[in-house]
Protein backbone atom coordinates (compact mmCIF):
# COMPACT_ATOMS: atom_id res chain seq x y z
CA UNK A 1 0.00 0.00 0.00
CA UNK A 2 1.32 3.41 -0.92
CA UNK A 3 2.14 5.90 1.83
CA UNK A 4 0.28 9.08 0.87
CA UNK A 5 2.87 11.33 2.54
CA UNK A 6 5.93 9.70 1.03
CA UNK A 7 4.82 8.54 -2.40
CA UNK A 8 6.53 10.19 -5.36
CA UNK A 9 4.86 11.17 -8.63
CA UNK A 10 6.04 11.31 -12.22
CA UNK A 11 3.99 13.15 -14.82
CA UNK A 12 4.82 12.09 -18.37
CA UNK A 13 3.76 14.48 -21.15
CA UNK A 14 4.16 13.28 -24.76
CA UNK A 15 4.31 16.25 -27.11
CA UNK A 16 4.60 16.80 -30.84
CA UNK A 17 4.53 20.42 -32.02
CA UNK A 18 2.56 21.67 -29.02
CA UNK A 19 4.25 25.03 -28.42
CA UNK A 20 0.85 26.74 -28.43
CA UNK A 21 -0.40 24.94 -25.32
CA UNK A 22 2.56 23.30 -23.60
CA UNK A 23 3.79 26.23 -21.51
CA UNK A 24 0.41 26.66 -19.80
CA UNK A 25 0.08 22.91 -19.25
CA UNK A 26 3.51 22.63 -17.62
CA UNK A 27 3.16 25.70 -15.43
CA UNK A 28 -0.22 24.57 -14.15
CA UNK A 29 1.05 21.03 -13.58
CA UNK A 30 3.96 22.34 -11.51
CA UNK A 31 1.54 24.43 -9.46
CA UNK A 32 -0.76 21.47 -8.79
CA UNK A 33 2.05 19.10 -7.84
CA UNK A 34 3.77 21.62 -5.59
CA UNK A 35 0.51 22.10 -3.71
CA UNK A 36 0.38 18.36 -2.94
CA UNK A 37 3.72 18.47 -1.14
CA UNK A 38 5.00 15.12 -2.46
CA UNK A 39 8.23 14.57 -4.38
CA UNK A 40 7.58 14.80 -8.10
CA UNK A 41 9.12 15.09 -11.52
CA UNK A 42 7.70 16.42 -14.76
CA UNK A 43 8.90 14.69 -17.93
CA UNK A 44 8.24 15.95 -21.45
CA UNK A 45 8.92 13.56 -24.31
CA UNK A 46 9.45 15.57 -27.47
CA UNK A 47 8.32 13.39 -30.36
CA UNK A 48 10.37 15.05 -33.09
CA UNK A 49 8.81 18.52 -32.86
CA UNK A 50 9.86 21.19 -35.33
CA UNK A 51 8.56 24.10 -33.25
CA UNK A 52 9.53 25.40 -29.78
CA UNK A 53 8.19 22.42 -27.85
CA UNK A 54 11.62 21.33 -26.58
CA UNK A 55 12.68 24.87 -25.61
CA UNK A 56 9.44 25.44 -23.71
CA UNK A 57 9.82 22.17 -21.81
CA UNK A 58 13.29 23.19 -20.64
CA UNK A 59 12.27 26.74 -19.77
CA UNK A 60 9.45 25.37 -17.61
CA UNK A 61 11.78 23.15 -15.61
CA UNK A 62 10.69 19.83 -17.07
CA UNK A 63 13.02 16.93 -17.73
CA UNK A 64 13.27 16.77 -21.52
CA UNK A 65 13.50 13.46 -23.33
CA UNK A 66 13.65 13.39 -27.12
CA UNK A 67 12.61 10.78 -29.66
CA UNK A 68 14.79 12.56 -32.20
CA UNK A 69 12.13 12.13 -34.87
CA UNK A 70 8.37 11.78 -35.01
CA UNK A 71 7.90 8.14 -33.97
CA UNK A 72 4.40 8.37 -32.49
CA UNK A 73 2.64 8.78 -29.16
CA UNK A 74 3.20 5.17 -28.14
CA UNK A 75 6.92 5.45 -28.65
CA UNK A 76 6.98 8.73 -26.71
CA UNK A 77 5.09 7.29 -23.75
CA UNK A 78 7.22 4.16 -23.62
CA UNK A 79 10.35 6.29 -23.52
CA UNK A 80 8.83 8.48 -20.81
CA UNK A 81 7.90 5.44 -18.73
CA UNK A 82 11.48 4.22 -18.94
CA UNK A 83 12.71 7.56 -17.57
CA UNK A 84 10.08 7.91 -14.84
CA UNK A 85 11.13 7.21 -11.25
CA UNK A 86 7.89 7.99 -9.39
CA UNK A 87 5.86 5.33 -7.58
CA UNK A 88 2.77 6.67 -9.33
CA UNK A 89 2.99 7.77 -12.96
CA UNK A 90 0.50 10.17 -14.50
CA UNK A 91 0.13 10.53 -18.26
CA UNK A 92 -1.08 13.90 -19.50
CA UNK A 93 -1.35 15.02 -23.12
CA UNK A 94 0.34 18.27 -24.06
CA UNK A 95 -2.49 19.60 -26.20
CA UNK A 96 -4.47 21.30 -23.43
CA UNK A 97 -7.56 19.10 -23.76
CA UNK A 98 -7.19 17.83 -20.19
CA UNK A 99 -6.86 19.98 -17.09
CA UNK A 100 -3.78 19.55 -14.85
CA UNK A 101 -5.97 20.82 -12.01
CA UNK A 102 -7.76 17.48 -12.12
CA UNK A 103 -4.61 15.42 -11.50
CA UNK A 104 -5.50 15.17 -7.77
CA UNK A 105 -8.80 13.54 -8.76
CA UNK A 106 -6.88 10.66 -10.34
CA UNK A 107 -4.33 10.50 -7.54
CA UNK A 108 -7.00 10.40 -4.85
CA UNK A 109 -8.58 7.39 -6.54
CA UNK A 110 -5.33 5.45 -6.87
CA UNK A 111 -4.12 6.38 -3.37
CA UNK A 112 -7.32 5.40 -1.59
CA UNK A 113 -6.68 3.30 1.49
CA UNK A 114 -10.00 1.49 1.07
CA UNK A 115 -9.89 0.65 -2.60
CA UNK A 116 -7.35 -1.61 -4.29
CA UNK A 117 -6.84 0.18 -7.58
CA UNK A 118 -3.91 -0.31 -9.94
CA UNK A 119 -4.86 2.14 -12.68
CA UNK A 120 -7.16 5.16 -12.83
CA UNK A 121 -8.46 6.40 -16.16
CA UNK A 122 -9.84 9.91 -16.47
CA UNK A 123 -13.03 9.44 -18.46
CA UNK A 124 -14.47 12.08 -20.74
CA UNK A 125 -17.71 10.13 -20.93
CA UNK A 126 -18.33 8.96 -17.37
CA UNK A 127 -20.79 11.83 -17.18
CA UNK A 128 -23.24 12.36 -20.04
CA UNK A 129 -21.97 15.86 -20.87
CA UNK A 130 -18.68 14.49 -22.21
CA UNK A 131 -20.10 13.41 -25.54
CA UNK A 132 -20.81 17.05 -26.38
CA UNK A 133 -17.09 17.87 -26.38
CA UNK A 134 -15.95 15.52 -29.15
CA UNK A 135 -17.07 15.00 -32.72
CA UNK A 136 -19.83 12.50 -33.36
CA UNK A 137 -17.41 10.33 -35.35
CA UNK A 138 -14.89 10.18 -32.52
CA UNK A 139 -17.65 9.40 -30.01
CA UNK A 140 -18.97 6.53 -32.13
CA UNK A 141 -15.47 5.20 -32.72
CA UNK A 142 -14.68 5.31 -29.02
CA UNK A 143 -17.93 3.48 -28.25
CA UNK A 144 -17.08 0.69 -30.73
CA UNK A 145 -13.64 0.29 -29.15
CA UNK A 146 -15.16 0.18 -25.65
CA UNK A 147 -17.66 -2.52 -26.69
CA UNK A 148 -14.93 -4.59 -28.36
CA UNK A 149 -12.81 -4.44 -25.22
CA UNK A 150 -15.79 -5.44 -23.07
CA UNK A 151 -16.65 -8.43 -25.27
CA UNK A 152 -13.08 -9.71 -25.45
CA UNK A 153 -11.65 -8.71 -22.08
CA UNK A 154 -14.66 -8.56 -19.80
CA UNK A 155 -14.75 -4.95 -18.63
CA UNK A 156 -16.92 -2.19 -20.03
CA UNK A 157 -15.18 1.16 -19.82
CA UNK A 158 -16.65 4.48 -20.87
CA UNK A 159 -13.34 5.89 -22.18
CA UNK A 160 -10.74 3.23 -22.86
CA UNK A 161 -8.79 5.65 -25.09
CA UNK A 162 -8.29 8.46 -22.59
CA UNK A 163 -4.70 9.65 -22.38
CA UNK A 164 -5.20 11.10 -18.88
CA UNK A 165 -4.27 8.32 -16.46
CA UNK A 166 -2.58 7.44 -13.18
CA UNK A 167 -0.78 4.11 -12.92
CA UNK A 168 1.25 2.44 -10.22
CA UNK A 169 4.84 2.01 -11.31
CA UNK A 170 4.83 -1.70 -10.45
CA UNK A 171 1.92 -2.19 -12.86
CA UNK A 172 3.85 -0.62 -15.74
CA UNK A 173 6.97 -2.65 -14.97
CA UNK A 174 4.86 -5.77 -15.43
CA UNK A 175 3.83 -4.82 -18.97
CA UNK A 176 5.68 -5.30 -22.25
CA UNK A 177 4.35 -2.50 -24.43
CA UNK A 178 5.00 -2.43 -28.16
CA UNK A 179 2.72 0.25 -29.62
CA UNK A 180 4.20 3.14 -31.57
CA UNK A 181 1.10 5.27 -32.13
CA UNK A 182 -2.28 6.17 -30.67
CA UNK A 183 -3.08 2.53 -30.00
CA UNK A 184 -0.86 2.72 -26.90
CA UNK A 185 -3.78 3.38 -24.53
CA UNK A 186 -5.69 0.39 -25.91
CA UNK A 187 -2.65 -1.82 -25.52
CA UNK A 188 -2.04 -0.70 -21.94
CA UNK A 189 -5.66 -1.25 -20.98
CA UNK A 190 -5.97 -4.62 -22.72
CA UNK A 191 -2.75 -6.00 -21.24
CA UNK A 192 -3.70 -4.83 -17.75
CA UNK A 193 -7.13 -6.45 -18.00
CA UNK A 194 -5.53 -9.70 -19.18
CA UNK A 195 -3.34 -9.64 -16.07
CA UNK A 196 -6.30 -9.03 -13.78
CA UNK A 197 -5.34 -5.50 -12.81
CA UNK A 198 -7.98 -3.35 -11.16
CA UNK A 199 -8.99 -0.37 -13.30
CA UNK A 200 -11.17 2.48 -12.12
CA UNK A 201 -12.60 5.40 -14.07
CA UNK A 202 -13.20 8.87 -12.66
CA UNK A 203 -14.99 11.67 -14.51
CA UNK A 204 -12.84 14.46 -15.92
CA UNK A 205 -13.50 17.70 -17.75
CA UNK A 206 -12.61 17.72 -21.42
CA UNK A 207 -11.91 20.85 -23.46
CA UNK A 208 -11.28 20.88 -27.17
CA UNK A 209 -7.83 22.12 -28.10
CA UNK A 210 -7.61 25.83 -28.86
CA UNK A 211 -4.26 25.71 -30.68
CA UNK A 212 -2.75 23.38 -33.25
CA UNK A 213 -4.54 20.46 -34.87
CA UNK A 214 -5.33 16.94 -33.71
CA UNK A 215 -2.86 14.33 -34.94
CA UNK A 216 -5.37 11.48 -34.76
CA UNK A 217 -6.31 10.05 -38.17
CA UNK A 218 -9.74 8.67 -37.35
CA UNK A 219 -10.11 5.56 -39.53
CA UNK A 220 -6.45 4.58 -39.71
CA UNK A 221 -5.86 4.94 -35.98
CA UNK A 222 -9.22 3.35 -35.14
CA UNK A 223 -8.26 0.25 -37.13
CA UNK A 224 -4.89 0.02 -35.35
CA UNK A 225 -6.61 0.31 -31.97
CA UNK A 226 -9.09 -2.49 -32.72
CA UNK A 227 -6.33 -4.67 -34.16
CA UNK A 228 -4.22 -4.14 -31.02
CA UNK A 229 -7.07 -5.18 -28.70
CA UNK A 230 -7.67 -8.35 -30.73
CA UNK A 231 -3.97 -9.20 -30.84
CA UNK A 232 -3.63 -8.91 -27.06
CA UNK A 233 -6.74 -11.05 -26.60
CA UNK A 234 -5.44 -13.78 -28.92
CA UNK A 235 -1.79 -13.87 -27.90
CA UNK A 236 -1.76 -13.64 -24.11
C-alpha atoms as a PDB file:
ATOM      1  CA  UNK A   1       0.000   0.000   0.000  1.00  0.00           C
ATOM      2  CA  UNK A   2       1.320   3.414  -0.925  1.00  0.00           C
ATOM      3  CA  UNK A   3       2.140   5.897   1.827  1.00  0.00           C
ATOM      4  CA  UNK A   4       0.276   9.084   0.871  1.00  0.00           C
ATOM      5  CA  UNK A   5       2.865  11.329   2.542  1.00  0.00           C
ATOM      6  CA  UNK A   6       5.935   9.702   1.030  1.00  0.00           C
ATOM      7  CA  UNK A   7       4.821   8.536  -2.404  1.00  0.00           C
ATOM      8  CA  UNK A   8       6.530  10.188  -5.364  1.00  0.00           C
ATOM      9  CA  UNK A   9       4.858  11.169  -8.631  1.00  0.00           C
ATOM     10  CA  UNK A  10       6.042  11.312 -12.221  1.00  0.00           C
ATOM     11  CA  UNK A  11       3.986  13.151 -14.822  1.00  0.00           C
ATOM     12  CA  UNK A  12       4.823  12.094 -18.373  1.00  0.00           C
ATOM     13  CA  UNK A  13       3.759  14.483 -21.148  1.00  0.00           C
ATOM     14  CA  UNK A  14       4.161  13.285 -24.761  1.00  0.00           C
ATOM     15  CA  UNK A  15       4.306  16.255 -27.105  1.00  0.00           C
ATOM     16  CA  UNK A  16       4.601  16.797 -30.839  1.00  0.00           C
ATOM     17  CA  UNK A  17       4.529  20.424 -32.016  1.00  0.00           C
ATOM     18  CA  UNK A  18       2.559  21.671 -29.016  1.00  0.00           C
ATOM     19  CA  UNK A  19       4.248  25.027 -28.416  1.00  0.00           C
ATOM     20  CA  UNK A  20       0.853  26.738 -28.431  1.00  0.00           C
ATOM     21  CA  UNK A  21      -0.398  24.941 -25.324  1.00  0.00           C
ATOM     22  CA  UNK A  22       2.564  23.299 -23.599  1.00  0.00           C
ATOM     23  CA  UNK A  23       3.785  26.228 -21.505  1.00  0.00           C
ATOM     24  CA  UNK A  24       0.413  26.664 -19.805  1.00  0.00           C
ATOM     25  CA  UNK A  25       0.079  22.911 -19.248  1.00  0.00           C
ATOM     26  CA  UNK A  26       3.510  22.629 -17.624  1.00  0.00           C
ATOM     27  CA  UNK A  27       3.159  25.700 -15.432  1.00  0.00           C
ATOM     28  CA  UNK A  28      -0.223  24.567 -14.155  1.00  0.00           C
ATOM     29  CA  UNK A  29       1.052  21.033 -13.576  1.00  0.00           C
ATOM     30  CA  UNK A  30       3.961  22.343 -11.512  1.00  0.00           C
ATOM     31  CA  UNK A  31       1.542  24.428  -9.458  1.00  0.00           C
ATOM     32  CA  UNK A  32      -0.758  21.465  -8.789  1.00  0.00           C
ATOM     33  CA  UNK A  33       2.055  19.096  -7.841  1.00  0.00           C
ATOM     34  CA  UNK A  34       3.775  21.617  -5.587  1.00  0.00           C
ATOM     35  CA  UNK A  35       0.512  22.100  -3.711  1.00  0.00           C
ATOM     36  CA  UNK A  36       0.378  18.356  -2.945  1.00  0.00           C
ATOM     37  CA  UNK A  37       3.719  18.465  -1.135  1.00  0.00           C
ATOM     38  CA  UNK A  38       5.003  15.124  -2.456  1.00  0.00           C
ATOM     39  CA  UNK A  39       8.232  14.571  -4.379  1.00  0.00           C
ATOM     40  CA  UNK A  40       7.578  14.796  -8.099  1.00  0.00           C
ATOM     41  CA  UNK A  41       9.121  15.086 -11.523  1.00  0.00           C
ATOM     42  CA  UNK A  42       7.702  16.420 -14.758  1.00  0.00           C
ATOM     43  CA  UNK A  43       8.901  14.693 -17.930  1.00  0.00           C
ATOM     44  CA  UNK A  44       8.240  15.950 -21.449  1.00  0.00           C
ATOM     45  CA  UNK A  45       8.923  13.561 -24.305  1.00  0.00           C
ATOM     46  CA  UNK A  46       9.455  15.570 -27.473  1.00  0.00           C
ATOM     47  CA  UNK A  47       8.321  13.385 -30.364  1.00  0.00           C
ATOM     48  CA  UNK A  48      10.370  15.051 -33.089  1.00  0.00           C
ATOM     49  CA  UNK A  49       8.812  18.515 -32.862  1.00  0.00           C
ATOM     50  CA  UNK A  50       9.856  21.189 -35.330  1.00  0.00           C
ATOM     51  CA  UNK A  51       8.558  24.104 -33.254  1.00  0.00           C
ATOM     52  CA  UNK A  52       9.532  25.399 -29.781  1.00  0.00           C
ATOM     53  CA  UNK A  53       8.187  22.419 -27.846  1.00  0.00           C
ATOM     54  CA  UNK A  54      11.617  21.329 -26.579  1.00  0.00           C
ATOM     55  CA  UNK A  55      12.685  24.867 -25.611  1.00  0.00           C
ATOM     56  CA  UNK A  56       9.444  25.445 -23.711  1.00  0.00           C
ATOM     57  CA  UNK A  57       9.819  22.172 -21.812  1.00  0.00           C
ATOM     58  CA  UNK A  58      13.295  23.185 -20.643  1.00  0.00           C
ATOM     59  CA  UNK A  59      12.269  26.740 -19.774  1.00  0.00           C
ATOM     60  CA  UNK A  60       9.451  25.370 -17.607  1.00  0.00           C
ATOM     61  CA  UNK A  61      11.782  23.153 -15.606  1.00  0.00           C
ATOM     62  CA  UNK A  62      10.689  19.826 -17.067  1.00  0.00           C
ATOM     63  CA  UNK A  63      13.017  16.935 -17.735  1.00  0.00           C
ATOM     64  CA  UNK A  64      13.274  16.769 -21.521  1.00  0.00           C
ATOM     65  CA  UNK A  65      13.503  13.461 -23.328  1.00  0.00           C
ATOM     66  CA  UNK A  66      13.649  13.388 -27.120  1.00  0.00           C
ATOM     67  CA  UNK A  67      12.611  10.778 -29.662  1.00  0.00           C
ATOM     68  CA  UNK A  68      14.791  12.560 -32.196  1.00  0.00           C
ATOM     69  CA  UNK A  69      12.133  12.132 -34.865  1.00  0.00           C
ATOM     70  CA  UNK A  70       8.368  11.782 -35.012  1.00  0.00           C
ATOM     71  CA  UNK A  71       7.897   8.142 -33.968  1.00  0.00           C
ATOM     72  CA  UNK A  72       4.399   8.370 -32.487  1.00  0.00           C
ATOM     73  CA  UNK A  73       2.640   8.779 -29.161  1.00  0.00           C
ATOM     74  CA  UNK A  74       3.200   5.166 -28.138  1.00  0.00           C
ATOM     75  CA  UNK A  75       6.917   5.445 -28.650  1.00  0.00           C
ATOM     76  CA  UNK A  76       6.984   8.726 -26.709  1.00  0.00           C
ATOM     77  CA  UNK A  77       5.087   7.289 -23.746  1.00  0.00           C
ATOM     78  CA  UNK A  78       7.222   4.163 -23.616  1.00  0.00           C
ATOM     79  CA  UNK A  79      10.354   6.295 -23.518  1.00  0.00           C
ATOM     80  CA  UNK A  80       8.830   8.484 -20.814  1.00  0.00           C
ATOM     81  CA  UNK A  81       7.899   5.441 -18.727  1.00  0.00           C
ATOM     82  CA  UNK A  82      11.478   4.223 -18.943  1.00  0.00           C
ATOM     83  CA  UNK A  83      12.712   7.558 -17.570  1.00  0.00           C
ATOM     84  CA  UNK A  84      10.078   7.911 -14.836  1.00  0.00           C
ATOM     85  CA  UNK A  85      11.127   7.209 -11.246  1.00  0.00           C
ATOM     86  CA  UNK A  86       7.886   7.990  -9.390  1.00  0.00           C
ATOM     87  CA  UNK A  87       5.859   5.334  -7.583  1.00  0.00           C
ATOM     88  CA  UNK A  88       2.773   6.666  -9.335  1.00  0.00           C
ATOM     89  CA  UNK A  89       2.989   7.765 -12.965  1.00  0.00           C
ATOM     90  CA  UNK A  90       0.500  10.168 -14.503  1.00  0.00           C
ATOM     91  CA  UNK A  91       0.132  10.530 -18.263  1.00  0.00           C
ATOM     92  CA  UNK A  92      -1.083  13.900 -19.502  1.00  0.00           C
ATOM     93  CA  UNK A  93      -1.348  15.019 -23.123  1.00  0.00           C
ATOM     94  CA  UNK A  94       0.343  18.268 -24.060  1.00  0.00           C
ATOM     95  CA  UNK A  95      -2.494  19.604 -26.205  1.00  0.00           C
ATOM     96  CA  UNK A  96      -4.473  21.302 -23.434  1.00  0.00           C
ATOM     97  CA  UNK A  97      -7.560  19.099 -23.761  1.00  0.00           C
ATOM     98  CA  UNK A  98      -7.195  17.826 -20.187  1.00  0.00           C
ATOM     99  CA  UNK A  99      -6.862  19.978 -17.087  1.00  0.00           C
ATOM    100  CA  UNK A 100      -3.782  19.553 -14.851  1.00  0.00           C
ATOM    101  CA  UNK A 101      -5.966  20.823 -12.005  1.00  0.00           C
ATOM    102  CA  UNK A 102      -7.758  17.479 -12.125  1.00  0.00           C
ATOM    103  CA  UNK A 103      -4.612  15.425 -11.499  1.00  0.00           C
ATOM    104  CA  UNK A 104      -5.500  15.167  -7.767  1.00  0.00           C
ATOM    105  CA  UNK A 105      -8.800  13.536  -8.757  1.00  0.00           C
ATOM    106  CA  UNK A 106      -6.876  10.665 -10.342  1.00  0.00           C
ATOM    107  CA  UNK A 107      -4.326  10.498  -7.543  1.00  0.00           C
ATOM    108  CA  UNK A 108      -6.998  10.402  -4.846  1.00  0.00           C
ATOM    109  CA  UNK A 109      -8.582   7.389  -6.542  1.00  0.00           C
ATOM    110  CA  UNK A 110      -5.333   5.452  -6.867  1.00  0.00           C
ATOM    111  CA  UNK A 111      -4.115   6.377  -3.369  1.00  0.00           C
ATOM    112  CA  UNK A 112      -7.322   5.398  -1.594  1.00  0.00           C
ATOM    113  CA  UNK A 113      -6.678   3.296   1.491  1.00  0.00           C
ATOM    114  CA  UNK A 114      -9.998   1.491   1.074  1.00  0.00           C
ATOM    115  CA  UNK A 115      -9.894   0.648  -2.602  1.00  0.00           C
ATOM    116  CA  UNK A 116      -7.353  -1.614  -4.291  1.00  0.00           C
ATOM    117  CA  UNK A 117      -6.842   0.175  -7.578  1.00  0.00           C
ATOM    118  CA  UNK A 118      -3.913  -0.307  -9.943  1.00  0.00           C
ATOM    119  CA  UNK A 119      -4.858   2.143 -12.680  1.00  0.00           C
ATOM    120  CA  UNK A 120      -7.164   5.155 -12.829  1.00  0.00           C
ATOM    121  CA  UNK A 121      -8.462   6.405 -16.163  1.00  0.00           C
ATOM    122  CA  UNK A 122      -9.839   9.915 -16.468  1.00  0.00           C
ATOM    123  CA  UNK A 123     -13.034   9.437 -18.455  1.00  0.00           C
ATOM    124  CA  UNK A 124     -14.469  12.083 -20.737  1.00  0.00           C
ATOM    125  CA  UNK A 125     -17.711  10.131 -20.925  1.00  0.00           C
ATOM    126  CA  UNK A 126     -18.329   8.957 -17.366  1.00  0.00           C
ATOM    127  CA  UNK A 127     -20.787  11.828 -17.178  1.00  0.00           C
ATOM    128  CA  UNK A 128     -23.241  12.363 -20.043  1.00  0.00           C
ATOM    129  CA  UNK A 129     -21.970  15.861 -20.866  1.00  0.00           C
ATOM    130  CA  UNK A 130     -18.679  14.492 -22.210  1.00  0.00           C
ATOM    131  CA  UNK A 131     -20.102  13.413 -25.539  1.00  0.00           C
ATOM    132  CA  UNK A 132     -20.807  17.051 -26.381  1.00  0.00           C
ATOM    133  CA  UNK A 133     -17.091  17.872 -26.381  1.00  0.00           C
ATOM    134  CA  UNK A 134     -15.955  15.519 -29.148  1.00  0.00           C
ATOM    135  CA  UNK A 135     -17.070  15.004 -32.715  1.00  0.00           C
ATOM    136  CA  UNK A 136     -19.827  12.498 -33.362  1.00  0.00           C
ATOM    137  CA  UNK A 137     -17.413  10.335 -35.355  1.00  0.00           C
ATOM    138  CA  UNK A 138     -14.894  10.182 -32.518  1.00  0.00           C
ATOM    139  CA  UNK A 139     -17.654   9.404 -30.013  1.00  0.00           C
ATOM    140  CA  UNK A 140     -18.970   6.530 -32.134  1.00  0.00           C
ATOM    141  CA  UNK A 141     -15.465   5.197 -32.717  1.00  0.00           C
ATOM    142  CA  UNK A 142     -14.681   5.313 -29.019  1.00  0.00           C
ATOM    143  CA  UNK A 143     -17.928   3.476 -28.254  1.00  0.00           C
ATOM    144  CA  UNK A 144     -17.077   0.694 -30.729  1.00  0.00           C
ATOM    145  CA  UNK A 145     -13.643   0.290 -29.149  1.00  0.00           C
ATOM    146  CA  UNK A 146     -15.164   0.178 -25.651  1.00  0.00           C
ATOM    147  CA  UNK A 147     -17.661  -2.519 -26.693  1.00  0.00           C
ATOM    148  CA  UNK A 148     -14.933  -4.586 -28.361  1.00  0.00           C
ATOM    149  CA  UNK A 149     -12.815  -4.443 -25.220  1.00  0.00           C
ATOM    150  CA  UNK A 150     -15.793  -5.436 -23.072  1.00  0.00           C
ATOM    151  CA  UNK A 151     -16.646  -8.426 -25.271  1.00  0.00           C
ATOM    152  CA  UNK A 152     -13.078  -9.711 -25.454  1.00  0.00           C
ATOM    153  CA  UNK A 153     -11.649  -8.713 -22.084  1.00  0.00           C
ATOM    154  CA  UNK A 154     -14.663  -8.558 -19.801  1.00  0.00           C
ATOM    155  CA  UNK A 155     -14.748  -4.946 -18.632  1.00  0.00           C
ATOM    156  CA  UNK A 156     -16.924  -2.189 -20.034  1.00  0.00           C
ATOM    157  CA  UNK A 157     -15.176   1.164 -19.825  1.00  0.00           C
ATOM    158  CA  UNK A 158     -16.649   4.484 -20.874  1.00  0.00           C
ATOM    159  CA  UNK A 159     -13.342   5.890 -22.179  1.00  0.00           C
ATOM    160  CA  UNK A 160     -10.736   3.230 -22.857  1.00  0.00           C
ATOM    161  CA  UNK A 161      -8.794   5.651 -25.092  1.00  0.00           C
ATOM    162  CA  UNK A 162      -8.294   8.458 -22.591  1.00  0.00           C
ATOM    163  CA  UNK A 163      -4.695   9.655 -22.380  1.00  0.00           C
ATOM    164  CA  UNK A 164      -5.202  11.101 -18.879  1.00  0.00           C
ATOM    165  CA  UNK A 165      -4.267   8.316 -16.457  1.00  0.00           C
ATOM    166  CA  UNK A 166      -2.582   7.443 -13.185  1.00  0.00           C
ATOM    167  CA  UNK A 167      -0.776   4.113 -12.916  1.00  0.00           C
ATOM    168  CA  UNK A 168       1.245   2.439 -10.218  1.00  0.00           C
ATOM    169  CA  UNK A 169       4.844   2.014 -11.308  1.00  0.00           C
ATOM    170  CA  UNK A 170       4.835  -1.696 -10.451  1.00  0.00           C
ATOM    171  CA  UNK A 171       1.925  -2.193 -12.863  1.00  0.00           C
ATOM    172  CA  UNK A 172       3.845  -0.623 -15.738  1.00  0.00           C
ATOM    173  CA  UNK A 173       6.967  -2.649 -14.975  1.00  0.00           C
ATOM    174  CA  UNK A 174       4.864  -5.775 -15.431  1.00  0.00           C
ATOM    175  CA  UNK A 175       3.827  -4.816 -18.972  1.00  0.00           C
ATOM    176  CA  UNK A 176       5.676  -5.302 -22.250  1.00  0.00           C
ATOM    177  CA  UNK A 177       4.349  -2.503 -24.428  1.00  0.00           C
ATOM    178  CA  UNK A 178       4.998  -2.432 -28.162  1.00  0.00           C
ATOM    179  CA  UNK A 179       2.724   0.250 -29.622  1.00  0.00           C
ATOM    180  CA  UNK A 180       4.198   3.141 -31.573  1.00  0.00           C
ATOM    181  CA  UNK A 181       1.099   5.271 -32.132  1.00  0.00           C
ATOM    182  CA  UNK A 182      -2.281   6.166 -30.667  1.00  0.00           C
ATOM    183  CA  UNK A 183      -3.082   2.530 -30.000  1.00  0.00           C
ATOM    184  CA  UNK A 184      -0.865   2.720 -26.900  1.00  0.00           C
ATOM    185  CA  UNK A 185      -3.781   3.379 -24.529  1.00  0.00           C
ATOM    186  CA  UNK A 186      -5.690   0.393 -25.907  1.00  0.00           C
ATOM    187  CA  UNK A 187      -2.647  -1.819 -25.523  1.00  0.00           C
ATOM    188  CA  UNK A 188      -2.039  -0.705 -21.939  1.00  0.00           C
ATOM    189  CA  UNK A 189      -5.663  -1.246 -20.983  1.00  0.00           C
ATOM    190  CA  UNK A 190      -5.966  -4.619 -22.717  1.00  0.00           C
ATOM    191  CA  UNK A 191      -2.749  -6.002 -21.239  1.00  0.00           C
ATOM    192  CA  UNK A 192      -3.703  -4.833 -17.747  1.00  0.00           C
ATOM    193  CA  UNK A 193      -7.130  -6.449 -17.999  1.00  0.00           C
ATOM    194  CA  UNK A 194      -5.534  -9.695 -19.182  1.00  0.00           C
ATOM    195  CA  UNK A 195      -3.342  -9.644 -16.071  1.00  0.00           C
ATOM    196  CA  UNK A 196      -6.299  -9.026 -13.778  1.00  0.00           C
ATOM    197  CA  UNK A 197      -5.336  -5.501 -12.815  1.00  0.00           C
ATOM    198  CA  UNK A 198      -7.983  -3.348 -11.165  1.00  0.00           C
ATOM    199  CA  UNK A 199      -8.986  -0.374 -13.303  1.00  0.00           C
ATOM    200  CA  UNK A 200     -11.172   2.478 -12.124  1.00  0.00           C
ATOM    201  CA  UNK A 201     -12.597   5.403 -14.069  1.00  0.00           C
ATOM    202  CA  UNK A 202     -13.196   8.869 -12.664  1.00  0.00           C
ATOM    203  CA  UNK A 203     -14.985  11.670 -14.512  1.00  0.00           C
ATOM    204  CA  UNK A 204     -12.845  14.462 -15.923  1.00  0.00           C
ATOM    205  CA  UNK A 205     -13.499  17.696 -17.754  1.00  0.00           C
ATOM    206  CA  UNK A 206     -12.606  17.723 -21.423  1.00  0.00           C
ATOM    207  CA  UNK A 207     -11.914  20.853 -23.461  1.00  0.00           C
ATOM    208  CA  UNK A 208     -11.284  20.878 -27.174  1.00  0.00           C
ATOM    209  CA  UNK A 209      -7.830  22.117 -28.103  1.00  0.00           C
ATOM    210  CA  UNK A 210      -7.608  25.826 -28.858  1.00  0.00           C
ATOM    211  CA  UNK A 211      -4.263  25.708 -30.680  1.00  0.00           C
ATOM    212  CA  UNK A 212      -2.753  23.376 -33.247  1.00  0.00           C
ATOM    213  CA  UNK A 213      -4.540  20.459 -34.867  1.00  0.00           C
ATOM    214  CA  UNK A 214      -5.333  16.943 -33.713  1.00  0.00           C
ATOM    215  CA  UNK A 215      -2.865  14.333 -34.938  1.00  0.00           C
ATOM    216  CA  UNK A 216      -5.374  11.479 -34.764  1.00  0.00           C
ATOM    217  CA  UNK A 217      -6.310  10.046 -38.167  1.00  0.00           C
ATOM    218  CA  UNK A 218      -9.743   8.668 -37.353  1.00  0.00           C
ATOM    219  CA  UNK A 219     -10.108   5.558 -39.527  1.00  0.00           C
ATOM    220  CA  UNK A 220      -6.448   4.580 -39.709  1.00  0.00           C
ATOM    221  CA  UNK A 221      -5.865   4.943 -35.981  1.00  0.00           C
ATOM    222  CA  UNK A 222      -9.216   3.346 -35.143  1.00  0.00           C
ATOM    223  CA  UNK A 223      -8.259   0.249 -37.134  1.00  0.00           C
ATOM    224  CA  UNK A 224      -4.894   0.021 -35.351  1.00  0.00           C
ATOM    225  CA  UNK A 225      -6.611   0.313 -31.971  1.00  0.00           C
ATOM    226  CA  UNK A 226      -9.092  -2.486 -32.717  1.00  0.00           C
ATOM    227  CA  UNK A 227      -6.330  -4.671 -34.155  1.00  0.00           C
ATOM    228  CA  UNK A 228      -4.223  -4.138 -31.024  1.00  0.00           C
ATOM    229  CA  UNK A 229      -7.066  -5.182 -28.702  1.00  0.00           C
ATOM    230  CA  UNK A 230      -7.672  -8.352 -30.728  1.00  0.00           C
ATOM    231  CA  UNK A 231      -3.971  -9.202 -30.839  1.00  0.00           C
ATOM    232  CA  UNK A 232      -3.628  -8.908 -27.059  1.00  0.00           C
ATOM    233  CA  UNK A 233      -6.741 -11.055 -26.599  1.00  0.00           C
ATOM    234  CA  UNK A 234      -5.437 -13.777 -28.924  1.00  0.00           C
ATOM    235  CA  UNK A 235      -1.786 -13.872 -27.900  1.00  0.00           C
ATOM    236  CA  UNK A 236      -1.756 -13.642 -24.114  1.00  0.00           C
END
